[in-house]
Amino acid sequence: METIWFENWDSILRILIITPLAYFTLIFMLRVSGKRTLAKMNAFDQVVTISLGTILASVALNHDIPLADGITAFIVFIGFQFLFTWLSVRVKAVKTLITSKPSLIFYKGEFNYTAMKKVRITVEEVNSAARIKGFSSLNGIDIIVLETTGDIAIIEKITEHTETTFDDVELTP
């Protein structure tokens, strides 16, 4: 019970040395791997981000994990993230496996309750997102989409063009 507040100075010294080394190694690796590694893109990217934080904390606090093991784990997770995102840009089946489609949840004054139930979002959450974007009413909004990142995109007016940003949106009736 006496180690609940303080074990020894070696433990503190290890944390003071290992944590900055692991932290700066992770920052360097993230810079080398590119912007996508920590982008808010999809569930797969979020798992990688959480895993990297967990590895950093484990290396910093667990005396049984050497810095080299932590760096190896960083390399493996960042490598997987790089590989899967590289493949998802080139192979449609991989993209389909690791990303979802955006969902149309509101269209020209009508809520799409089927889609909202499927993606587990409420009218109150949609209203909150509209308020945050500065809308006092849904009357001035043509489309609301739940993006793959969990963000809610609000489109005021639909403009007629041959190419739109809605081609990949799941149109659940």
N, C-alpha and C. Protein backbone atom coordinates (compact mmCIF):
# COMPACT_ATOMS: atom_id res chain seq x y z
N MET A 1 0.81 -1.19 0.00
CA MET A 1 0.00 0.00 0.00
C MET A 1 0.86 1.27 0.00
N GLU A 2 2.09 1.15 0.42
CA GLU A 2 2.96 2.33 0.48
C GLU A 2 3.37 2.85 -0.89
N THR A 3 3.18 2.06 -1.96
CA THR A 3 3.55 2.52 -3.31
C THR A 3 2.41 3.25 -4.02
N ILE A 4 1.34 3.53 -3.31
CA ILE A 4 0.22 4.20 -3.96
C ILE A 4 0.58 5.65 -4.34
N TRP A 5 1.43 6.31 -3.59
CA TRP A 5 1.82 7.69 -3.87
C TRP A 5 3.20 7.81 -4.50
N PHE A 6 4.09 6.95 -4.11
CA PHE A 6 5.47 7.07 -4.59
C PHE A 6 6.15 5.72 -4.48
N GLU A 7 6.75 5.29 -5.58
CA GLU A 7 7.46 4.01 -5.54
C GLU A 7 8.95 4.25 -5.34
N ASN A 8 9.56 4.95 -6.30
CA ASN A 8 10.97 5.30 -6.16
C ASN A 8 11.34 6.34 -7.20
N TRP A 9 12.51 6.93 -7.04
CA TRP A 9 12.96 7.98 -7.97
C TRP A 9 13.30 7.41 -9.34
N ASP A 10 13.69 6.14 -9.39
CA ASP A 10 13.98 5.51 -10.69
C ASP A 10 12.75 5.50 -11.59
N SER A 11 11.60 5.25 -11.00
CA SER A 11 10.34 5.24 -11.74
C SER A 11 10.04 6.62 -12.33
N ILE A 12 10.21 7.64 -11.52
CA ILE A 12 9.98 9.02 -11.97
C ILE A 12 10.97 9.39 -13.07
N LEU A 13 12.23 9.04 -12.87
CA LEU A 13 13.28 9.35 -13.85
C LEU A 13 13.00 8.64 -15.17
N ARG A 14 12.56 7.38 -15.12
CA ARG A 14 12.22 6.64 -16.34
C ARG A 14 11.12 7.35 -17.11
N ILE A 15 10.08 7.79 -16.41
CA ILE A 15 8.98 8.49 -17.06
C ILE A 15 9.47 9.79 -17.69
N LEU A 16 10.34 10.52 -16.99
CA LEU A 16 10.86 11.79 -17.50
C LEU A 16 11.74 11.60 -18.74
N ILE A 17 12.35 10.45 -18.87
CA ILE A 17 13.21 10.19 -20.04
C ILE A 17 12.43 9.52 -21.17
N ILE A 18 11.70 8.46 -20.85
CA ILE A 18 11.02 7.65 -21.87
C ILE A 18 9.85 8.41 -22.51
N THR A 19 9.06 9.12 -21.72
CA THR A 19 7.88 9.79 -22.26
C THR A 19 8.23 10.80 -23.35
N PRO A 20 9.16 11.73 -23.13
CA PRO A 20 9.50 12.65 -24.23
C PRO A 20 10.07 11.93 -25.45
N LEU A 21 10.89 10.90 -25.24
CA LEU A 21 11.44 10.15 -26.37
C LEU A 21 10.32 9.49 -27.18
N ALA A 22 9.39 8.84 -26.49
CA ALA A 22 8.27 8.19 -27.18
C ALA A 22 7.38 9.24 -27.86
N TYR A 23 7.13 10.33 -27.16
CA TYR A 23 6.26 11.39 -27.70
C TYR A 23 6.86 11.98 -28.98
N PHE A 24 8.12 12.37 -28.93
CA PHE A 24 8.73 12.98 -30.12
C PHE A 24 8.92 11.97 -31.25
N THR A 25 9.12 10.71 -30.91
CA THR A 25 9.17 9.67 -31.94
C THR A 25 7.81 9.56 -32.63
N LEU A 26 6.74 9.55 -31.83
CA LEU A 26 5.40 9.46 -32.41
C LEU A 26 5.10 10.68 -33.28
N ILE A 27 5.43 11.87 -32.82
CA ILE A 27 5.21 13.08 -33.61
C ILE A 27 5.97 13.00 -34.93
N PHE A 28 7.23 12.58 -34.87
CA PHE A 28 8.04 12.44 -36.08
C PHE A 28 7.40 11.45 -37.05
N MET A 29 6.97 10.30 -36.52
CA MET A 29 6.38 9.27 -37.37
C MET A 29 5.06 9.75 -37.99
N LEU A 30 4.29 10.51 -37.24
CA LEU A 30 3.03 11.04 -37.78
C LEU A 30 3.30 12.06 -38.88
N ARG A 31 4.32 12.88 -38.72
CA ARG A 31 4.67 13.86 -39.75
C ARG A 31 5.15 13.15 -41.02
N VAL A 32 5.93 12.10 -40.86
CA VAL A 32 6.45 11.36 -42.01
C VAL A 32 5.32 10.62 -42.73
N SER A 33 4.37 10.07 -41.96
CA SER A 33 3.31 9.26 -42.57
C SER A 33 2.25 10.08 -43.29
N GLY A 34 2.18 11.36 -43.04
CA GLY A 34 1.24 12.22 -43.78
C GLY A 34 0.03 12.62 -42.98
N LYS A 35 -0.71 13.55 -43.52
CA LYS A 35 -1.86 14.16 -42.84
C LYS A 35 -2.98 13.17 -42.57
N ARG A 36 -3.14 12.20 -43.41
CA ARG A 36 -4.26 11.28 -43.30
C ARG A 36 -4.21 10.41 -42.05
N THR A 37 -3.02 10.21 -41.49
CA THR A 37 -2.89 9.31 -40.34
C THR A 37 -3.76 9.76 -39.17
N LEU A 38 -3.88 11.05 -38.96
CA LEU A 38 -4.71 11.53 -37.85
C LEU A 38 -5.95 12.28 -38.31
N ALA A 39 -6.30 12.11 -39.57
CA ALA A 39 -7.48 12.80 -40.08
C ALA A 39 -8.73 12.22 -39.45
N LYS A 40 -9.72 13.06 -39.33
CA LYS A 40 -11.01 12.59 -38.83
C LYS A 40 -11.78 12.07 -40.03
N MET A 41 -11.53 10.81 -40.38
CA MET A 41 -12.12 10.26 -41.59
C MET A 41 -13.20 9.21 -41.32
N ASN A 42 -12.86 8.19 -40.58
CA ASN A 42 -13.81 7.11 -40.38
C ASN A 42 -13.46 6.33 -39.13
N ALA A 43 -14.21 5.28 -38.84
CA ALA A 43 -13.99 4.50 -37.63
C ALA A 43 -12.60 3.86 -37.62
N PHE A 44 -12.13 3.41 -38.77
CA PHE A 44 -10.80 2.80 -38.85
C PHE A 44 -9.72 3.80 -38.42
N ASP A 45 -9.80 5.02 -38.92
CA ASP A 45 -8.83 6.05 -38.55
C ASP A 45 -8.91 6.38 -37.06
N GLN A 46 -10.11 6.38 -36.52
CA GLN A 46 -10.28 6.67 -35.10
C GLN A 46 -9.66 5.57 -34.24
N VAL A 47 -9.81 4.32 -34.64
CA VAL A 47 -9.19 3.22 -33.90
C VAL A 47 -7.67 3.37 -33.89
N VAL A 48 -7.10 3.74 -35.01
CA VAL A 48 -5.65 3.94 -35.10
C VAL A 48 -5.23 5.07 -34.16
N THR A 49 -5.95 6.17 -34.16
CA THR A 49 -5.62 7.31 -33.32
C THR A 49 -5.68 6.94 -31.84
N ILE A 50 -6.72 6.24 -31.44
CA ILE A 50 -6.85 5.82 -30.04
C ILE A 50 -5.75 4.84 -29.68
N SER A 51 -5.43 3.93 -30.59
CA SER A 51 -4.38 2.95 -30.34
C SER A 51 -3.03 3.62 -30.14
N LEU A 52 -2.73 4.63 -30.95
CA LEU A 52 -1.46 5.33 -30.81
C LEU A 52 -1.36 6.01 -29.45
N GLY A 53 -2.45 6.62 -28.99
CA GLY A 53 -2.46 7.24 -27.66
C GLY A 53 -2.29 6.21 -26.56
N THR A 54 -2.92 5.08 -26.72
CA THR A 54 -2.80 4.01 -25.73
C THR A 54 -1.38 3.48 -25.67
N ILE A 55 -0.78 3.30 -26.83
CA ILE A 55 0.62 2.83 -26.87
C ILE A 55 1.53 3.83 -26.18
N LEU A 56 1.35 5.11 -26.48
CA LEU A 56 2.18 6.15 -25.86
C LEU A 56 2.04 6.11 -24.34
N ALA A 57 0.82 6.03 -23.84
CA ALA A 57 0.60 5.97 -22.39
C ALA A 57 1.21 4.70 -21.80
N SER A 58 1.07 3.59 -22.48
CA SER A 58 1.63 2.33 -21.98
C SER A 58 3.14 2.39 -21.88
N VAL A 59 3.79 2.90 -22.91
CA VAL A 59 5.25 3.02 -22.90
C VAL A 59 5.70 3.95 -21.78
N ALA A 60 4.95 5.04 -21.58
CA ALA A 60 5.32 6.01 -20.56
C ALA A 60 5.18 5.46 -19.14
N LEU A 61 4.15 4.66 -18.90
CA LEU A 61 3.84 4.27 -17.52
C LEU A 61 4.14 2.82 -17.17
N ASN A 62 4.23 1.94 -18.14
CA ASN A 62 4.47 0.53 -17.84
C ASN A 62 5.96 0.24 -17.93
N HIS A 63 6.55 -0.08 -16.83
CA HIS A 63 7.99 -0.34 -16.76
C HIS A 63 8.41 -1.57 -17.53
N ASP A 64 7.47 -2.45 -17.84
CA ASP A 64 7.79 -3.68 -18.55
C ASP A 64 7.83 -3.51 -20.07
N ILE A 65 7.49 -2.31 -20.56
CA ILE A 65 7.49 -2.07 -22.01
C ILE A 65 8.66 -1.17 -22.38
N PRO A 66 9.67 -1.73 -23.04
CA PRO A 66 10.81 -0.90 -23.45
C PRO A 66 10.41 0.08 -24.57
N LEU A 67 11.16 1.16 -24.69
CA LEU A 67 10.89 2.16 -25.72
C LEU A 67 10.90 1.54 -27.11
N ALA A 68 11.82 0.63 -27.37
CA ALA A 68 11.89 -0.01 -28.69
C ALA A 68 10.60 -0.77 -29.02
N ASP A 69 10.00 -1.41 -28.02
CA ASP A 69 8.73 -2.10 -28.26
C ASP A 69 7.63 -1.11 -28.60
N GLY A 70 7.60 0.01 -27.89
CA GLY A 70 6.60 1.04 -28.18
C GLY A 70 6.77 1.61 -29.58
N ILE A 71 8.02 1.88 -29.96
CA ILE A 71 8.28 2.41 -31.31
C ILE A 71 7.86 1.39 -32.36
N THR A 72 8.13 0.13 -32.10
CA THR A 72 7.71 -0.93 -33.04
C THR A 72 6.19 -0.95 -33.17
N ALA A 73 5.48 -0.81 -32.06
CA ALA A 73 4.02 -0.77 -32.11
C ALA A 73 3.54 0.46 -32.88
N PHE A 74 4.19 1.62 -32.68
CA PHE A 74 3.85 2.81 -33.47
C PHE A 74 3.99 2.51 -34.96
N ILE A 75 5.10 1.91 -35.32
CA ILE A 75 5.37 1.61 -36.74
C ILE A 75 4.31 0.67 -37.30
N VAL A 76 3.93 -0.34 -36.53
CA VAL A 76 2.94 -1.31 -37.01
C VAL A 76 1.58 -0.62 -37.22
N PHE A 77 1.12 0.16 -36.24
CA PHE A 77 -0.20 0.81 -36.38
C PHE A 77 -0.20 1.86 -37.49
N ILE A 78 0.84 2.68 -37.54
CA ILE A 78 0.90 3.69 -38.60
C ILE A 78 1.06 3.01 -39.95
N GLY A 79 1.83 1.92 -39.99
CA GLY A 79 1.98 1.16 -41.24
C GLY A 79 0.66 0.57 -41.72
N PHE A 80 -0.11 -0.02 -40.79
CA PHE A 80 -1.43 -0.55 -41.16
C PHE A 80 -2.34 0.56 -41.66
N GLN A 81 -2.35 1.70 -40.96
CA GLN A 81 -3.19 2.81 -41.36
C GLN A 81 -2.79 3.29 -42.75
N PHE A 82 -1.50 3.42 -42.98
CA PHE A 82 -1.01 3.85 -44.30
C PHE A 82 -1.40 2.83 -45.37
N LEU A 83 -1.16 1.54 -45.09
CA LEU A 83 -1.48 0.49 -46.06
C LEU A 83 -2.97 0.46 -46.40
N PHE A 84 -3.83 0.48 -45.38
CA PHE A 84 -5.26 0.40 -45.65
C PHE A 84 -5.79 1.64 -46.36
N THR A 85 -5.30 2.82 -46.01
CA THR A 85 -5.77 4.01 -46.72
C THR A 85 -5.22 4.04 -48.14
N TRP A 86 -3.98 3.58 -48.33
CA TRP A 86 -3.41 3.49 -49.67
C TRP A 86 -4.24 2.54 -50.52
N LEU A 87 -4.57 1.37 -49.94
CA LEU A 87 -5.39 0.40 -50.67
C LEU A 87 -6.81 0.92 -50.92
N SER A 88 -7.37 1.64 -49.94
CA SER A 88 -8.75 2.10 -50.10
C SER A 88 -8.89 3.12 -51.23
N VAL A 89 -7.82 3.82 -51.54
CA VAL A 89 -7.84 4.77 -52.65
C VAL A 89 -7.74 4.02 -53.98
N ARG A 90 -7.16 2.83 -53.97
CA ARG A 90 -6.91 2.09 -55.20
C ARG A 90 -7.83 0.89 -55.42
N VAL A 91 -8.36 0.31 -54.34
CA VAL A 91 -9.18 -0.90 -54.46
C VAL A 91 -10.55 -0.62 -53.82
N LYS A 92 -11.58 -0.62 -54.65
CA LYS A 92 -12.93 -0.28 -54.18
C LYS A 92 -13.41 -1.21 -53.07
N ALA A 93 -13.09 -2.49 -53.13
CA ALA A 93 -13.53 -3.44 -52.10
C ALA A 93 -12.94 -3.08 -50.74
N VAL A 94 -11.71 -2.62 -50.71
CA VAL A 94 -11.08 -2.22 -49.45
C VAL A 94 -11.76 -0.96 -48.92
N LYS A 95 -12.04 -0.01 -49.80
CA LYS A 95 -12.72 1.22 -49.40
C LYS A 95 -14.08 0.89 -48.79
N THR A 96 -14.81 0.01 -49.43
CA THR A 96 -16.12 -0.39 -48.95
C THR A 96 -16.02 -1.07 -47.59
N LEU A 97 -14.95 -1.84 -47.39
CA LEU A 97 -14.75 -2.57 -46.14
C LEU A 97 -14.48 -1.63 -44.96
N ILE A 98 -13.68 -0.59 -45.17
CA ILE A 98 -13.26 0.23 -44.04
C ILE A 98 -13.99 1.57 -43.90
N THR A 99 -14.82 1.93 -44.87
CA THR A 99 -15.56 3.20 -44.75
C THR A 99 -17.04 2.97 -45.01
N SER A 100 -17.84 3.80 -44.37
CA SER A 100 -19.28 3.74 -44.62
C SER A 100 -19.66 4.83 -45.61
N LYS A 101 -20.92 4.86 -45.99
CA LYS A 101 -21.41 5.91 -46.88
C LYS A 101 -22.10 6.98 -46.04
N PRO A 102 -22.05 8.22 -46.49
CA PRO A 102 -22.83 9.26 -45.81
C PRO A 102 -24.32 8.94 -45.96
N SER A 103 -25.12 9.41 -45.00
CA SER A 103 -26.56 9.12 -45.02
C SER A 103 -27.38 10.39 -45.10
N LEU A 104 -28.34 10.41 -46.02
CA LEU A 104 -29.26 11.52 -46.16
C LEU A 104 -30.29 11.43 -45.04
N ILE A 105 -30.32 12.44 -44.15
CA ILE A 105 -31.24 12.37 -43.02
C ILE A 105 -32.34 13.44 -43.07
N PHE A 106 -32.19 14.39 -43.99
CA PHE A 106 -33.19 15.44 -44.15
C PHE A 106 -33.14 15.92 -45.58
N TYR A 107 -34.33 16.02 -46.20
CA TYR A 107 -34.37 16.48 -47.59
C TYR A 107 -35.59 17.36 -47.80
N LYS A 108 -35.35 18.62 -48.13
CA LYS A 108 -36.38 19.60 -48.46
C LYS A 108 -37.59 19.56 -47.52
N GLY A 109 -37.31 19.76 -46.25
CA GLY A 109 -38.37 19.87 -45.26
C GLY A 109 -38.85 18.58 -44.64
N GLU A 110 -38.31 17.45 -45.07
CA GLU A 110 -38.75 16.15 -44.57
C GLU A 110 -37.60 15.38 -43.94
N PHE A 111 -37.82 14.91 -42.72
CA PHE A 111 -36.83 14.05 -42.09
C PHE A 111 -36.92 12.66 -42.70
N ASN A 112 -35.78 12.01 -42.88
CA ASN A 112 -35.73 10.65 -43.38
C ASN A 112 -35.61 9.74 -42.15
N TYR A 113 -36.75 9.42 -41.54
CA TYR A 113 -36.75 8.69 -40.27
C TYR A 113 -36.16 7.29 -40.39
N THR A 114 -36.33 6.67 -41.54
CA THR A 114 -35.75 5.34 -41.74
C THR A 114 -34.23 5.42 -41.65
N ALA A 115 -33.65 6.37 -42.36
CA ALA A 115 -32.19 6.54 -42.33
C ALA A 115 -31.73 6.97 -40.94
N MET A 116 -32.51 7.85 -40.30
CA MET A 116 -32.13 8.33 -38.97
C MET A 116 -32.12 7.17 -37.96
N LYS A 117 -33.09 6.29 -38.08
CA LYS A 117 -33.14 5.13 -37.19
C LYS A 117 -31.94 4.21 -37.45
N LYS A 118 -31.63 4.02 -38.72
CA LYS A 118 -30.52 3.15 -39.10
C LYS A 118 -29.18 3.66 -38.56
N VAL A 119 -28.97 4.99 -38.61
CA VAL A 119 -27.69 5.56 -38.15
C VAL A 119 -27.77 6.05 -36.70
N ARG A 120 -28.92 5.84 -36.07
CA ARG A 120 -29.12 6.15 -34.65
C ARG A 120 -28.89 7.63 -34.33
N ILE A 121 -29.61 8.49 -35.04
CA ILE A 121 -29.54 9.92 -34.79
C ILE A 121 -30.96 10.45 -34.58
N THR A 122 -31.10 11.39 -33.67
CA THR A 122 -32.42 11.91 -33.33
C THR A 122 -32.66 13.27 -33.97
N VAL A 123 -33.93 13.65 -34.01
CA VAL A 123 -34.32 14.97 -34.51
C VAL A 123 -33.65 16.05 -33.66
N GLU A 124 -33.56 15.83 -32.36
CA GLU A 124 -32.93 16.81 -31.47
C GLU A 124 -31.46 17.03 -31.82
N GLU A 125 -30.77 15.96 -32.20
CA GLU A 125 -29.36 16.10 -32.59
C GLU A 125 -29.23 16.87 -33.90
N VAL A 126 -30.15 16.64 -34.82
CA VAL A 126 -30.15 17.38 -36.08
C VAL A 126 -30.44 18.85 -35.81
N ASN A 127 -31.43 19.12 -34.98
CA ASN A 127 -31.75 20.51 -34.62
C ASN A 127 -30.57 21.20 -33.95
N SER A 128 -29.89 20.49 -33.08
CA SER A 128 -28.72 21.04 -32.41
C SER A 128 -27.63 21.41 -33.42
N ALA A 129 -27.38 20.52 -34.37
CA ALA A 129 -26.37 20.80 -35.40
C ALA A 129 -26.77 22.02 -36.22
N ALA A 130 -28.05 22.15 -36.53
CA ALA A 130 -28.52 23.32 -37.29
C ALA A 130 -28.33 24.60 -36.48
N ARG A 131 -28.64 24.55 -35.20
CA ARG A 131 -28.44 25.73 -34.35
C ARG A 131 -26.97 26.12 -34.27
N ILE A 132 -26.10 25.12 -34.14
CA ILE A 132 -24.66 25.39 -34.07
C ILE A 132 -24.17 26.07 -35.34
N LYS A 133 -24.78 25.71 -36.48
CA LYS A 133 -24.39 26.32 -37.76
C LYS A 133 -25.09 27.66 -37.99
N GLY A 134 -25.92 28.10 -37.03
CA GLY A 134 -26.54 29.41 -37.12
C GLY A 134 -27.93 29.44 -37.70
N PHE A 135 -28.59 28.30 -37.84
CA PHE A 135 -29.95 28.27 -38.39
C PHE A 135 -30.97 28.30 -37.25
N SER A 136 -31.97 29.15 -37.38
CA SER A 136 -33.03 29.19 -36.39
C SER A 136 -34.21 28.32 -36.80
N SER A 137 -34.18 27.86 -38.05
CA SER A 137 -35.26 27.04 -38.59
C SER A 137 -34.68 26.11 -39.65
N LEU A 138 -35.36 25.00 -39.86
CA LEU A 138 -34.96 24.08 -40.93
C LEU A 138 -35.55 24.49 -42.28
N ASN A 139 -36.38 25.52 -42.29
CA ASN A 139 -37.02 25.98 -43.53
C ASN A 139 -36.00 26.41 -44.58
N GLY A 140 -34.88 26.97 -44.17
CA GLY A 140 -33.89 27.44 -45.13
C GLY A 140 -32.88 26.39 -45.53
N ILE A 141 -33.13 25.14 -45.15
CA ILE A 141 -32.19 24.05 -45.42
C ILE A 141 -32.81 23.07 -46.39
N ASP A 142 -32.06 22.70 -47.43
CA ASP A 142 -32.54 21.70 -48.39
C ASP A 142 -32.10 20.29 -48.01
N ILE A 143 -30.86 20.13 -47.56
CA ILE A 143 -30.32 18.79 -47.30
C ILE A 143 -29.49 18.78 -46.02
N ILE A 144 -29.65 17.71 -45.25
CA ILE A 144 -28.78 17.44 -44.11
C ILE A 144 -28.28 16.01 -44.27
N VAL A 145 -26.96 15.85 -44.17
CA VAL A 145 -26.32 14.56 -44.37
C VAL A 145 -25.48 14.22 -43.14
N LEU A 146 -25.60 12.98 -42.67
CA LEU A 146 -24.70 12.48 -41.64
C LEU A 146 -23.50 11.90 -42.35
N GLU A 147 -22.34 12.54 -42.18
CA GLU A 147 -21.12 12.13 -42.88
C GLU A 147 -20.52 10.89 -42.24
N THR A 148 -19.57 10.27 -42.92
CA THR A 148 -18.93 9.06 -42.43
C THR A 148 -18.13 9.30 -41.15
N THR A 149 -17.75 10.55 -40.91
CA THR A 149 -17.00 10.91 -39.71
C THR A 149 -17.90 11.14 -38.51
N GLY A 150 -19.22 11.17 -38.73
CA GLY A 150 -20.16 11.49 -37.66
C GLY A 150 -20.56 12.96 -37.67
N ASP A 151 -19.93 13.76 -38.51
CA ASP A 151 -20.29 15.16 -38.63
C ASP A 151 -21.61 15.29 -39.38
N ILE A 152 -22.34 16.36 -39.09
CA ILE A 152 -23.59 16.63 -39.79
C ILE A 152 -23.35 17.78 -40.75
N ALA A 153 -23.52 17.51 -42.04
CA ALA A 153 -23.36 18.52 -43.08
C ALA A 153 -24.72 19.11 -43.42
N ILE A 154 -24.76 20.44 -43.50
CA ILE A 154 -26.01 21.13 -43.79
C ILE A 154 -25.85 21.93 -45.07
N ILE A 155 -26.74 21.67 -46.03
CA ILE A 155 -26.73 22.37 -47.32
C ILE A 155 -27.97 23.26 -47.38
N GLU A 156 -27.75 24.55 -47.55
CA GLU A 156 -28.88 25.49 -47.58
C GLU A 156 -29.73 25.32 -48.83
N LYS A 157 -29.11 25.44 -49.96
CA LYS A 157 -29.85 25.36 -51.22
C LYS A 157 -29.14 24.43 -52.18
N ILE A 158 -29.91 23.61 -52.83
CA ILE A 158 -29.36 22.72 -53.85
C ILE A 158 -29.26 23.51 -55.14
N THR A 159 -28.09 23.46 -55.74
CA THR A 159 -27.93 24.07 -57.05
C THR A 159 -27.87 22.96 -58.08
N GLU A 160 -28.49 23.18 -59.20
CA GLU A 160 -28.56 22.15 -60.24
C GLU A 160 -27.29 22.17 -61.09
N HIS A 161 -26.53 21.10 -60.98
CA HIS A 161 -25.32 20.92 -61.78
C HIS A 161 -25.27 19.45 -62.20
N THR A 162 -24.44 19.16 -63.17
CA THR A 162 -24.33 17.77 -63.60
C THR A 162 -23.59 16.93 -62.56
N GLU A 163 -22.63 17.53 -61.86
CA GLU A 163 -21.92 16.80 -60.81
C GLU A 163 -22.25 17.43 -59.47
N THR A 164 -22.63 16.60 -58.50
CA THR A 164 -22.94 17.12 -57.18
C THR A 164 -22.05 16.43 -56.14
N THR A 165 -22.10 16.93 -54.95
CA THR A 165 -21.36 16.31 -53.85
C THR A 165 -22.16 15.21 -53.18
N PHE A 166 -23.31 14.85 -53.75
CA PHE A 166 -24.20 13.87 -53.14
C PHE A 166 -24.20 12.51 -53.82
N ASP A 167 -23.32 12.31 -54.77
CA ASP A 167 -23.31 11.05 -55.50
C ASP A 167 -23.06 9.83 -54.61
N ASP A 168 -22.30 10.01 -53.52
CA ASP A 168 -21.97 8.87 -52.65
C ASP A 168 -22.88 8.75 -51.43
N VAL A 169 -23.90 9.60 -51.34
CA VAL A 169 -24.79 9.61 -50.18
C VAL A 169 -25.80 8.47 -50.29
N GLU A 170 -25.93 7.73 -49.20
CA GLU A 170 -26.87 6.61 -49.15
C GLU A 170 -28.29 7.16 -49.03
N LEU A 171 -29.14 6.83 -49.99
CA LEU A 171 -30.50 7.35 -50.04
C LEU A 171 -31.49 6.32 -49.53
N THR A 172 -31.44 6.06 -48.22
CA THR A 172 -32.38 5.11 -47.62
C THR A 172 -33.77 5.72 -47.62
N PRO A 173 -34.75 5.02 -48.16
CA PRO A 173 -36.12 5.60 -48.23
C PRO A 173 -36.74 5.75 -46.86
